Each structure stands twice: as structure tokens, then as C-alpha cells.
């Protein structure tokens, strides 16, 4: 049964660039539902930056008369997280929203989410593998329901790799070699842009190397972003940036799109679903992007 009580907590559904999850709870003043049993439809507010979310809400509304979903598109990435945070503080949070897995621990620890254990704990345990459960089950409680999980992929410009005689890298050492060769062929082209603005990406790369940035120890949070694996990943990218092999243009901005659209970066590191946005974001590079597994540290 849908949550209709008005609270100051946010009902989250996580979705993101590298990882996505669905969380649900009662929102703030965004829900204008009447009391149960009065015969009037329940209205739930839903915020998301996910492609297809509006169409999903529209389809739901066409097939349900007892619940009405009021959808709002919000920005993706850090800007969207900030918008949600401000909404929670202002007491007008949506009933359901989407966000990155990486943002979930902060929201849960600050008391901004409903504990979904009673309503969805068994569902998450039954329907999702343990690795996915660990992303939404924190401190013995279930705080979200996953709706999308995707690996980080390597997208590469096939034309640039061919022009400079570069093979698709399978290790991070090969990735640096590719960066050096491409940049030597054209100093205006870098291997990718990595100027900050997307902590979820750095988190994903660090976890790939063996880091575990957060977890729980009994009833307490355990946070560690200064382990050897995290230091290795940070040093690797610091070196690429220092040597001019990676662009310092911030992610999630106009500059990022321009570099990618004009062939100034040879690769993009992002979620597998990112490819769906390429025809719109980089129309002049249609058909030029290839996709490969993320390089490894082996």
C-alpha cells in the first residue's frame, strides 16, 4: 500500500551515472493525498533525472485510478542531489525520487529516508543478488529498492583510436599508454575529462581497485577513503592530469559536452546506459563511439 502520511523524510529511488537504485518513502509536503478510505485518489510526487521516468509515470497514471503520480524532472549528478537535499531541509521533499547509490548512506544517516525494511526488506532480499543488496541495506535496514544496476564501461572514439594506431586498452597501464600515444599525435586531444564534479565516478573506480569507502560496523558507520587502493587510484589520475593526458574540464557541465562532441577527448568512462544519451548529446559523433569493458589493474 502506498505511503500517504506526510513526513519530513524523503522517499528515495536511486538512479545514477554509474549506479542506480530505487528507494521509497513518504515525502515532505509534496504529497497532497487525502486520508485513506475517503474515496479520493492518492497523489504521490516523484522526482527523477532518469530517461524514461516521465513516460513510466504517465503510463502508471493511465492504468491506475486510485493513485496519481505527479512527476518532475530534476537535474542529474551533484546538482540533483543538492536539489533533493534542499527540498528535505525545506520540508517539501518528494514522496519518491531517484539518486546515486553513493549518496544513499549520507541521506540515510541524516534521517532523511524512511526505513523500508517492513515494506520492502523481504523483496530486496528475494529479488536481488547480495552485491546489490549491500548497496541499499545499511545498518541492518533497507533504505531503498534497486531499479537499475549497471557496470561502468569504457566508451572510446573508434575513429581517433584508428587514426593514432591505438588498441582498446584492457588494463589501466595500457590506458595510460593509449593516452600518451593519442596526445602525442594531437596535443589538443586528451584521453578523457576528469576534472571533478562526479564523486560517484571516483568512488566506482576506487571500489574497482579494492577500496571500500563505507560500510557498517555494528550500529556505527565505517568510512575509509584513505586506504592503499584509493591512494593508488588517486595517484594514477593525478599523474594523468599533471602530464596533460587527461582534461581538467569539470564533469556534468557544458565544457564536458563540448569536448566530447568535438572529439577533444578519446574516451568516456561512464555507466553502460550512458550510450543512450550519445545521439542527443554528441550528434556529430554518431556511430563513432565504441564500447568496451572497463580497464583493470591486472
C-alpha atoms as a PDB file:
ATOM      1  CA  UNK A   1       0.000   0.000   0.000  1.00  0.00           C
ATOM      2  CA  UNK A   2       1.381   3.436  -0.888  1.00  0.00           C
ATOM      3  CA  UNK A   3       2.758   5.661   1.817  1.00  0.00           C
ATOM      4  CA  UNK A   4       0.418   8.624   2.273  1.00  0.00           C
ATOM      5  CA  UNK A   5       1.377  10.136   5.630  1.00  0.00           C
ATOM      6  CA  UNK A   6       3.084  13.473   5.450  1.00  0.00           C
ATOM      7  CA  UNK A   7       6.544  13.464   6.974  1.00  0.00           C
ATOM      8  CA  UNK A   8       9.785  15.372   6.563  1.00  0.00           C
ATOM      9  CA  UNK A   9      11.574  12.373   5.152  1.00  0.00           C
ATOM     10  CA  UNK A  10      12.359  11.713   1.567  1.00  0.00           C
ATOM     11  CA  UNK A  11      11.244   8.662  -0.352  1.00  0.00           C
ATOM     12  CA  UNK A  12      14.185   7.773  -2.485  1.00  0.00           C
ATOM     13  CA  UNK A  13      14.707   5.725  -5.571  1.00  0.00           C
ATOM     14  CA  UNK A  14      18.321   5.805  -6.612  1.00  0.00           C
ATOM     15  CA  UNK A  15      19.480   6.186 -10.161  1.00  0.00           C
ATOM     16  CA  UNK A  16      22.765   7.399 -11.361  1.00  0.00           C
ATOM     17  CA  UNK A  17      25.574   7.684 -13.697  1.00  0.00           C
ATOM     18  CA  UNK A  18      27.432   4.684 -12.539  1.00  0.00           C
ATOM     19  CA  UNK A  19      24.924   3.025 -10.215  1.00  0.00           C
ATOM     20  CA  UNK A  20      21.234   3.401  -9.721  1.00  0.00           C
ATOM     21  CA  UNK A  21      18.741   2.438  -7.071  1.00  0.00           C
ATOM     22  CA  UNK A  22      15.117   2.819  -6.183  1.00  0.00           C
ATOM     23  CA  UNK A  23      14.169   3.863  -2.711  1.00  0.00           C
ATOM     24  CA  UNK A  24      10.717   4.686  -1.483  1.00  0.00           C
ATOM     25  CA  UNK A  25       9.335   6.531   1.497  1.00  0.00           C
ATOM     26  CA  UNK A  26       6.901   9.264   2.402  1.00  0.00           C
ATOM     27  CA  UNK A  27       7.945  12.668   1.197  1.00  0.00           C
ATOM     28  CA  UNK A  28       7.514  16.083   2.710  1.00  0.00           C
ATOM     29  CA  UNK A  29       4.714  18.459   1.849  1.00  0.00           C
ATOM     30  CA  UNK A  30       4.861  17.284  -1.761  1.00  0.00           C
ATOM     31  CA  UNK A  31       2.169  14.660  -1.161  1.00  0.00           C
ATOM     32  CA  UNK A  32      -1.341  16.114  -1.304  1.00  0.00           C
ATOM     33  CA  UNK A  33      -3.074  12.816  -0.664  1.00  0.00           C
ATOM     34  CA  UNK A  34      -6.319  12.723   1.239  1.00  0.00           C
ATOM     35  CA  UNK A  35      -6.788  10.372   4.141  1.00  0.00           C
ATOM     36  CA  UNK A  36      -7.222   6.666   3.473  1.00  0.00           C
ATOM     37  CA  UNK A  37     -10.720   5.427   2.811  1.00  0.00           C
ATOM     38  CA  UNK A  38     -12.225   8.739   1.629  1.00  0.00           C
ATOM     39  CA  UNK A  39     -12.529   7.522  -1.949  1.00  0.00           C
ATOM     40  CA  UNK A  40     -10.204  10.131  -3.385  1.00  0.00           C
ATOM     41  CA  UNK A  41      -7.044   9.158  -5.312  1.00  0.00           C
ATOM     42  CA  UNK A  42      -3.711   9.383  -3.530  1.00  0.00           C
ATOM     43  CA  UNK A  43      -1.262  11.793  -5.170  1.00  0.00           C
ATOM     44  CA  UNK A  44       2.439  10.996  -4.872  1.00  0.00           C
ATOM     45  CA  UNK A  45       5.231  13.258  -6.071  1.00  0.00           C
ATOM     46  CA  UNK A  46       8.113  11.658  -7.971  1.00  0.00           C
ATOM     47  CA  UNK A  47      11.412  13.368  -8.873  1.00  0.00           C
ATOM     48  CA  UNK A  48      13.897  11.827 -11.271  1.00  0.00           C
ATOM     49  CA  UNK A  49      16.571  12.604 -13.855  1.00  0.00           C
ATOM     50  CA  UNK A  50      16.327   9.116 -15.330  1.00  0.00           C
ATOM     51  CA  UNK A  51      15.491   8.702 -19.007  1.00  0.00           C
ATOM     52  CA  UNK A  52      12.027   7.232 -19.389  1.00  0.00           C
ATOM     53  CA  UNK A  53      10.882   8.190 -15.886  1.00  0.00           C
ATOM     54  CA  UNK A  54       8.242  10.619 -17.143  1.00  0.00           C
ATOM     55  CA  UNK A  55       6.913   8.090 -19.636  1.00  0.00           C
ATOM     56  CA  UNK A  56       6.730   5.490 -16.863  1.00  0.00           C
ATOM     57  CA  UNK A  57       4.781   7.878 -14.624  1.00  0.00           C
ATOM     58  CA  UNK A  58       2.420   8.719 -17.490  1.00  0.00           C
ATOM     59  CA  UNK A  59       1.811   5.022 -18.193  1.00  0.00           C
ATOM     60  CA  UNK A  60       1.131   4.401 -14.500  1.00  0.00           C
ATOM     61  CA  UNK A  61      -1.384   7.228 -14.370  1.00  0.00           C
ATOM     62  CA  UNK A  62      -3.217   5.864 -17.414  1.00  0.00           C
ATOM     63  CA  UNK A  63      -3.672   2.471 -15.779  1.00  0.00           C
ATOM     64  CA  UNK A  64      -4.385   3.443 -12.164  1.00  0.00           C
ATOM     65  CA  UNK A  65      -7.271   5.451 -10.759  1.00  0.00           C
ATOM     66  CA  UNK A  66      -6.547   5.159  -7.037  1.00  0.00           C
ATOM     67  CA  UNK A  67      -3.035   6.631  -7.204  1.00  0.00           C
ATOM     68  CA  UNK A  68      -1.853   9.642  -9.197  1.00  0.00           C
ATOM     69  CA  UNK A  69       1.862  10.237  -9.743  1.00  0.00           C
ATOM     70  CA  UNK A  70       2.928  13.864 -10.119  1.00  0.00           C
ATOM     71  CA  UNK A  71       6.293  13.749 -11.915  1.00  0.00           C
ATOM     72  CA  UNK A  72       9.054  16.383 -12.020  1.00  0.00           C
ATOM     73  CA  UNK A  73      12.281  16.134 -13.971  1.00  0.00           C
ATOM     74  CA  UNK A  74      15.318  17.172 -11.900  1.00  0.00           C
ATOM     75  CA  UNK A  75      18.973  17.628 -12.864  1.00  0.00           C
ATOM     76  CA  UNK A  76      21.306  14.655 -12.839  1.00  0.00           C
ATOM     77  CA  UNK A  77      24.510  14.381 -10.835  1.00  0.00           C
ATOM     78  CA  UNK A  78      25.540  16.629  -7.941  1.00  0.00           C
ATOM     79  CA  UNK A  79      23.076  19.377  -8.888  1.00  0.00           C
ATOM     80  CA  UNK A  80      20.194  16.968  -8.500  1.00  0.00           C
ATOM     81  CA  UNK A  81      21.480  15.744  -5.138  1.00  0.00           C
ATOM     82  CA  UNK A  82      21.683  19.344  -3.926  1.00  0.00           C
ATOM     83  CA  UNK A  83      18.128  19.999  -5.061  1.00  0.00           C
ATOM     84  CA  UNK A  84      16.892  16.981  -3.118  1.00  0.00           C
ATOM     85  CA  UNK A  85      18.845  17.990  -0.033  1.00  0.00           C
ATOM     86  CA  UNK A  86      17.369  21.490  -0.111  1.00  0.00           C
ATOM     87  CA  UNK A  87      13.885  20.042  -0.541  1.00  0.00           C
ATOM     88  CA  UNK A  88      14.329  17.842   2.512  1.00  0.00           C
ATOM     89  CA  UNK A  89      15.554  20.780   4.589  1.00  0.00           C
ATOM     90  CA  UNK A  90      12.680  22.923   3.383  1.00  0.00           C
ATOM     91  CA  UNK A  91      10.074  20.300   4.254  1.00  0.00           C
ATOM     92  CA  UNK A  92       8.857  19.914   0.666  1.00  0.00           C
ATOM     93  CA  UNK A  93      10.668  16.734  -0.361  1.00  0.00           C
ATOM     94  CA  UNK A  94       9.037  14.481  -2.952  1.00  0.00           C
ATOM     95  CA  UNK A  95       7.486  11.180  -1.924  1.00  0.00           C
ATOM     96  CA  UNK A  96       9.764   9.225  -4.258  1.00  0.00           C
ATOM     97  CA  UNK A  97      12.952  10.293  -6.005  1.00  0.00           C
ATOM     98  CA  UNK A  98      15.967   8.830  -7.744  1.00  0.00           C
ATOM     99  CA  UNK A  99      19.622   9.240  -6.793  1.00  0.00           C
ATOM    100  CA  UNK A 100      23.009   7.550  -6.907  1.00  0.00           C
ATOM    101  CA  UNK A 101      23.818   4.620  -4.654  1.00  0.00           C
ATOM    102  CA  UNK A 102      26.818   6.597  -3.433  1.00  0.00           C
ATOM    103  CA  UNK A 103      24.559   9.297  -1.976  1.00  0.00           C
ATOM    104  CA  UNK A 104      22.324   6.868  -0.098  1.00  0.00           C
ATOM    105  CA  UNK A 105      24.437   6.425   3.078  1.00  0.00           C
ATOM    106  CA  UNK A 106      24.516  10.176   3.722  1.00  0.00           C
ATOM    107  CA  UNK A 107      20.768  10.542   3.297  1.00  0.00           C
ATOM    108  CA  UNK A 108      20.033   7.544   5.490  1.00  0.00           C
ATOM    109  CA  UNK A 109      22.451   8.564   8.253  1.00  0.00           C
ATOM    110  CA  UNK A 110      20.974  12.073   8.409  1.00  0.00           C
ATOM    111  CA  UNK A 111      17.472  10.685   8.954  1.00  0.00           C
ATOM    112  CA  UNK A 112      16.148  11.868   5.599  1.00  0.00           C
ATOM    113  CA  UNK A 113      14.850   8.478   4.440  1.00  0.00           C
ATOM    114  CA  UNK A 114      12.083   6.188   5.559  1.00  0.00           C
ATOM    115  CA  UNK A 115      13.175   2.759   6.767  1.00  0.00           C
ATOM    116  CA  UNK A 116      11.736   0.437   4.113  1.00  0.00           C
ATOM    117  CA  UNK A 117      12.566  -2.781   5.945  1.00  0.00           C
ATOM    118  CA  UNK A 118       8.938  -3.579   6.890  1.00  0.00           C
ATOM    119  CA  UNK A 119       7.567  -2.974   3.390  1.00  0.00           C
ATOM    120  CA  UNK A 120      10.443  -3.863   1.070  1.00  0.00           C
ATOM    121  CA  UNK A 121      13.141  -5.679   3.042  1.00  0.00           C
ATOM    122  CA  UNK A 122      11.961  -9.150   2.041  1.00  0.00           C
ATOM    123  CA  UNK A 123      11.516  -8.059  -1.577  1.00  0.00           C
ATOM    124  CA  UNK A 124      15.086  -6.781  -1.839  1.00  0.00           C
ATOM    125  CA  UNK A 125      16.425  -9.935  -0.200  1.00  0.00           C
ATOM    126  CA  UNK A 126      14.469 -12.193  -2.538  1.00  0.00           C
ATOM    127  CA  UNK A 127      14.851 -10.397  -5.858  1.00  0.00           C
ATOM    128  CA  UNK A 128      18.409  -9.027  -5.831  1.00  0.00           C
ATOM    129  CA  UNK A 129      21.873 -10.604  -5.510  1.00  0.00           C
ATOM    130  CA  UNK A 130      23.883  -9.975  -2.377  1.00  0.00           C
ATOM    131  CA  UNK A 131      26.199  -7.465  -4.054  1.00  0.00           C
ATOM    132  CA  UNK A 132      23.222  -5.285  -4.967  1.00  0.00           C
ATOM    133  CA  UNK A 133      21.568  -5.755  -1.572  1.00  0.00           C
ATOM    134  CA  UNK A 134      24.684  -4.394   0.103  1.00  0.00           C
ATOM    135  CA  UNK A 135      24.157  -1.082  -1.685  1.00  0.00           C
ATOM    136  CA  UNK A 136      20.758  -0.471  -0.111  1.00  0.00           C
ATOM    137  CA  UNK A 137      20.900  -2.479   3.124  1.00  0.00           C
ATOM    138  CA  UNK A 138      22.823  -0.372   5.606  1.00  0.00           C
ATOM    139  CA  UNK A 139      22.963  -0.675   9.384  1.00  0.00           C
ATOM    140  CA  UNK A 140      20.610  -3.639   9.338  1.00  0.00           C
ATOM    141  CA  UNK A 141      17.849  -1.770   7.495  1.00  0.00           C
ATOM    142  CA  UNK A 142      16.684  -1.469   3.898  1.00  0.00           C
ATOM    143  CA  UNK A 143      16.697   2.139   2.721  1.00  0.00           C
ATOM    144  CA  UNK A 144      15.958   1.795  -0.981  1.00  0.00           C
ATOM    145  CA  UNK A 145      14.780  -0.632  -3.653  1.00  0.00           C
ATOM    146  CA  UNK A 146      17.181  -1.029  -6.602  1.00  0.00           C
ATOM    147  CA  UNK A 147      15.695  -0.423 -10.018  1.00  0.00           C
ATOM    148  CA  UNK A 148      18.857  -0.241 -12.090  1.00  0.00           C
ATOM    149  CA  UNK A 149      22.376  -1.511 -11.670  1.00  0.00           C
ATOM    150  CA  UNK A 150      24.881  -1.046 -14.427  1.00  0.00           C
ATOM    151  CA  UNK A 151      28.609  -1.574 -14.783  1.00  0.00           C
ATOM    152  CA  UNK A 152      30.980   1.263 -15.514  1.00  0.00           C
ATOM    153  CA  UNK A 153      32.068   0.961 -19.131  1.00  0.00           C
ATOM    154  CA  UNK A 154      34.756   2.436 -21.349  1.00  0.00           C
ATOM    155  CA  UNK A 155      33.415   4.308 -24.365  1.00  0.00           C
ATOM    156  CA  UNK A 156      36.043   5.145 -26.972  1.00  0.00           C
ATOM    157  CA  UNK A 157      36.197   7.081 -30.221  1.00  0.00           C
ATOM    158  CA  UNK A 158      36.810   4.436 -32.842  1.00  0.00           C
ATOM    159  CA  UNK A 159      37.982   6.984 -35.390  1.00  0.00           C
ATOM    160  CA  UNK A 160      40.573   8.502 -33.048  1.00  0.00           C
ATOM    161  CA  UNK A 161      41.896   5.125 -31.921  1.00  0.00           C
ATOM    162  CA  UNK A 162      42.264   4.075 -35.555  1.00  0.00           C
ATOM    163  CA  UNK A 163      43.876   7.361 -36.591  1.00  0.00           C
ATOM    164  CA  UNK A 164      46.586   7.106 -33.953  1.00  0.00           C
ATOM    165  CA  UNK A 165      47.029   3.343 -34.131  1.00  0.00           C
ATOM    166  CA  UNK A 166      45.842   2.686 -30.584  1.00  0.00           C
ATOM    167  CA  UNK A 167      44.366  -0.601 -29.390  1.00  0.00           C
ATOM    168  CA  UNK A 168      41.461  -0.602 -26.959  1.00  0.00           C
ATOM    169  CA  UNK A 169      43.113  -0.848 -23.510  1.00  0.00           C
ATOM    170  CA  UNK A 170      42.294  -3.750 -21.216  1.00  0.00           C
ATOM    171  CA  UNK A 171      44.393  -2.558 -18.257  1.00  0.00           C
ATOM    172  CA  UNK A 172      44.945   0.865 -16.713  1.00  0.00           C
ATOM    173  CA  UNK A 173      48.611   0.661 -17.694  1.00  0.00           C
ATOM    174  CA  UNK A 174      47.534   0.225 -21.321  1.00  0.00           C
ATOM    175  CA  UNK A 175      45.078   3.086 -20.881  1.00  0.00           C
ATOM    176  CA  UNK A 176      47.919   5.438 -19.965  1.00  0.00           C
ATOM    177  CA  UNK A 177      49.949   4.216 -22.935  1.00  0.00           C
ATOM    178  CA  UNK A 178      46.981   4.943 -25.193  1.00  0.00           C
ATOM    179  CA  UNK A 179      46.666   8.404 -23.630  1.00  0.00           C
ATOM    180  CA  UNK A 180      50.326   9.151 -24.339  1.00  0.00           C
ATOM    181  CA  UNK A 181      50.114   7.996 -27.949  1.00  0.00           C
ATOM    182  CA  UNK A 182      46.943   9.925 -28.743  1.00  0.00           C
ATOM    183  CA  UNK A 183      48.162  13.104 -27.072  1.00  0.00           C
ATOM    184  CA  UNK A 184      51.465  12.872 -28.938  1.00  0.00           C
ATOM    185  CA  UNK A 185      49.540  12.584 -32.198  1.00  0.00           C
ATOM    186  CA  UNK A 186      47.418  15.629 -31.371  1.00  0.00           C
ATOM    187  CA  UNK A 187      48.229  17.750 -28.296  1.00  0.00           C
ATOM    188  CA  UNK A 188      44.669  19.115 -28.348  1.00  0.00           C
ATOM    189  CA  UNK A 189      43.214  15.670 -27.655  1.00  0.00           C
ATOM    190  CA  UNK A 190      43.291  14.034 -24.223  1.00  0.00           C
ATOM    191  CA  UNK A 191      42.254  10.542 -23.190  1.00  0.00           C
ATOM    192  CA  UNK A 192      39.222  11.753 -21.196  1.00  0.00           C
ATOM    193  CA  UNK A 193      37.981  14.582 -18.980  1.00  0.00           C
ATOM    194  CA  UNK A 194      38.446  14.067 -15.266  1.00  0.00           C
ATOM    195  CA  UNK A 195      38.155  17.494 -13.725  1.00  0.00           C
ATOM    196  CA  UNK A 196      35.952  16.626 -10.771  1.00  0.00           C
ATOM    197  CA  UNK A 197      32.264  17.139 -10.267  1.00  0.00           C
ATOM    198  CA  UNK A 198      31.341  13.462 -10.131  1.00  0.00           C
ATOM    199  CA  UNK A 199      32.428  11.822  -6.872  1.00  0.00           C
ATOM    200  CA  UNK A 200      30.413   8.719  -7.781  1.00  0.00           C
ATOM    201  CA  UNK A 201      32.811   8.036 -10.659  1.00  0.00           C
ATOM    202  CA  UNK A 202      35.897   8.280  -8.449  1.00  0.00           C
ATOM    203  CA  UNK A 203      34.165   6.092  -5.890  1.00  0.00           C
ATOM    204  CA  UNK A 204      33.411   3.452  -8.504  1.00  0.00           C
ATOM    205  CA  UNK A 205      36.978   3.408  -9.772  1.00  0.00           C
ATOM    206  CA  UNK A 206      38.334   3.154  -6.233  1.00  0.00           C
ATOM    207  CA  UNK A 207      35.991   0.269  -5.400  1.00  0.00           C
ATOM    208  CA  UNK A 208      37.115  -1.481  -8.581  1.00  0.00           C
ATOM    209  CA  UNK A 209      40.658  -1.318  -7.216  1.00  0.00           C
ATOM    210  CA  UNK A 210      39.545  -2.917  -3.937  1.00  0.00           C
ATOM    211  CA  UNK A 211      38.606   0.099  -1.812  1.00  0.00           C
ATOM    212  CA  UNK A 212      35.550   0.065   0.446  1.00  0.00           C
ATOM    213  CA  UNK A 213      34.697   3.659   1.169  1.00  0.00           C
ATOM    214  CA  UNK A 214      31.837   2.980   3.533  1.00  0.00           C
ATOM    215  CA  UNK A 215      30.088   0.216   5.394  1.00  0.00           C
ATOM    216  CA  UNK A 216      28.805  -0.542   8.838  1.00  0.00           C
ATOM    217  CA  UNK A 217      30.365  -1.981  11.951  1.00  0.00           C
ATOM    218  CA  UNK A 218      27.583  -2.948  14.303  1.00  0.00           C
ATOM    219  CA  UNK A 219      25.428   0.142  14.763  1.00  0.00           C
ATOM    220  CA  UNK A 220      28.134   2.543  13.612  1.00  0.00           C
ATOM    221  CA  UNK A 221      29.146   3.750  10.178  1.00  0.00           C
ATOM    222  CA  UNK A 222      32.609   2.798   8.986  1.00  0.00           C
ATOM    223  CA  UNK A 223      34.150   5.215   6.491  1.00  0.00           C
ATOM    224  CA  UNK A 224      37.578   4.877   4.896  1.00  0.00           C
ATOM    225  CA  UNK A 225      38.652   6.826   1.807  1.00  0.00           C
ATOM    226  CA  UNK A 226      42.355   6.853   2.644  1.00  0.00           C
ATOM    227  CA  UNK A 227      43.233   3.202   2.091  1.00  0.00           C
ATOM    228  CA  UNK A 228      46.004   1.976  -0.274  1.00  0.00           C
ATOM    229  CA  UNK A 229      43.555   1.198  -3.100  1.00  0.00           C
ATOM    230  CA  UNK A 230      42.054   4.703  -3.000  1.00  0.00           C
ATOM    231  CA  UNK A 231      45.517   6.257  -2.896  1.00  0.00           C
ATOM    232  CA  UNK A 232      46.567   4.188  -5.916  1.00  0.00           C
ATOM    233  CA  UNK A 233      43.582   5.343  -7.967  1.00  0.00           C
ATOM    234  CA  UNK A 234      44.013   8.986  -6.917  1.00  0.00           C
ATOM    235  CA  UNK A 235      47.730   8.931  -7.759  1.00  0.00           C
ATOM    236  CA  UNK A 236      47.013   7.381 -11.159  1.00  0.00           C
ATOM    237  CA  UNK A 237      44.597  10.128 -12.167  1.00  0.00           C
ATOM    238  CA  UNK A 238      46.684  12.874 -10.582  1.00  0.00           C
ATOM    239  CA  UNK A 239      49.569  11.781 -12.797  1.00  0.00           C
ATOM    240  CA  UNK A 240      47.411  11.769 -15.950  1.00  0.00           C
ATOM    241  CA  UNK A 241      46.161  15.272 -15.145  1.00  0.00           C
ATOM    242  CA  UNK A 242      49.603  16.582 -14.243  1.00  0.00           C
ATOM    243  CA  UNK A 243      51.040  15.286 -17.523  1.00  0.00           C
ATOM    244  CA  UNK A 244      48.256  16.843 -19.571  1.00  0.00           C
ATOM    245  CA  UNK A 245      46.967  13.453 -20.699  1.00  0.00           C
ATOM    246  CA  UNK A 246      43.512  13.961 -19.148  1.00  0.00           C
ATOM    247  CA  UNK A 247      41.397  17.092 -19.364  1.00  0.00           C
ATOM    248  CA  UNK A 248      40.666  19.092 -16.218  1.00  0.00           C
ATOM    249  CA  UNK A 249      37.277  20.177 -17.528  1.00  0.00           C
ATOM    250  CA  UNK A 250      34.665  19.505 -14.809  1.00  0.00           C
ATOM    251  CA  UNK A 251      32.153  16.757 -15.426  1.00  0.00           C
ATOM    252  CA  UNK A 252      28.431  17.375 -15.790  1.00  0.00           C
ATOM    253  CA  UNK A 253      28.898  20.730 -17.475  1.00  0.00           C
ATOM    254  CA  UNK A 254      28.742  22.482 -20.828  1.00  0.00           C
ATOM    255  CA  UNK A 255      32.512  22.236 -21.261  1.00  0.00           C
ATOM    256  CA  UNK A 256      32.381  18.474 -20.849  1.00  0.00           C
ATOM    257  CA  UNK A 257      29.765  18.120 -23.580  1.00  0.00           C
ATOM    258  CA  UNK A 258      31.712  20.347 -25.937  1.00  0.00           C
ATOM    259  CA  UNK A 259      34.922  18.337 -25.549  1.00  0.00           C
ATOM    260  CA  UNK A 260      33.129  15.062 -26.098  1.00  0.00           C
ATOM    261  CA  UNK A 261      31.078  16.333 -29.022  1.00  0.00           C
ATOM    262  CA  UNK A 262      34.073  17.792 -30.883  1.00  0.00           C
ATOM    263  CA  UNK A 263      36.486  14.889 -30.468  1.00  0.00           C
ATOM    264  CA  UNK A 264      38.755  16.565 -27.935  1.00  0.00           C
ATOM    265  CA  UNK A 265      38.579  13.528 -25.660  1.00  0.00           C
ATOM    266  CA  UNK A 266      39.139   9.992 -26.893  1.00  0.00           C
ATOM    267  CA  UNK A 267      37.237   8.092 -24.203  1.00  0.00           C
ATOM    268  CA  UNK A 268      34.397   8.448 -21.733  1.00  0.00           C
ATOM    269  CA  UNK A 269      34.184   6.450 -18.523  1.00  0.00           C
ATOM    270  CA  UNK A 270      30.573   6.062 -17.547  1.00  0.00           C
ATOM    271  CA  UNK A 271      27.598   3.812 -16.941  1.00  0.00           C
ATOM    272  CA  UNK A 272      26.553   1.406 -19.665  1.00  0.00           C
ATOM    273  CA  UNK A 273      23.273   3.268 -20.087  1.00  0.00           C
ATOM    274  CA  UNK A 274      25.139   6.466 -20.914  1.00  0.00           C
ATOM    275  CA  UNK A 275      25.274   5.320 -24.538  1.00  0.00           C
ATOM    276  CA  UNK A 276      21.580   6.074 -24.845  1.00  0.00           C
ATOM    277  CA  UNK A 277      22.338   9.788 -24.441  1.00  0.00           C
ATOM    278  CA  UNK A 278      25.141   9.939 -27.011  1.00  0.00           C
ATOM    279  CA  UNK A 279      22.983  10.540 -30.140  1.00  0.00           C
ATOM    280  CA  UNK A 280      21.393  13.556 -28.445  1.00  0.00           C
ATOM    281  CA  UNK A 281      24.438  14.928 -26.624  1.00  0.00           C
ATOM    282  CA  UNK A 282      27.014  14.272 -29.359  1.00  0.00           C
ATOM    283  CA  UNK A 283      25.039  14.101 -32.640  1.00  0.00           C
ATOM    284  CA  UNK A 284      28.042  14.879 -34.849  1.00  0.00           C
ATOM    285  CA  UNK A 285      29.870  11.843 -33.459  1.00  0.00           C
ATOM    286  CA  UNK A 286      27.042   9.412 -34.187  1.00  0.00           C
ATOM    287  CA  UNK A 287      28.409   5.950 -34.980  1.00  0.00           C
ATOM    288  CA  UNK A 288      31.930   6.875 -33.890  1.00  0.00           C
ATOM    289  CA  UNK A 289      31.726   5.583 -30.317  1.00  0.00           C
ATOM    290  CA  UNK A 290      32.659   2.031 -29.381  1.00  0.00           C
ATOM    291  CA  UNK A 291      32.109   0.355 -26.028  1.00  0.00           C
ATOM    292  CA  UNK A 292      34.459  -1.929 -24.081  1.00  0.00           C
ATOM    293  CA  UNK A 293      34.841  -3.306 -20.546  1.00  0.00           C
ATOM    294  CA  UNK A 294      36.469  -1.022 -18.012  1.00  0.00           C
ATOM    295  CA  UNK A 295      40.269  -1.495 -17.884  1.00  0.00           C
ATOM    296  CA  UNK A 296      41.520  -3.485 -14.904  1.00  0.00           C
ATOM    297  CA  UNK A 297      44.519  -3.226 -12.593  1.00  0.00           C
ATOM    298  CA  UNK A 298      45.875  -6.653 -13.611  1.00  0.00           C
END
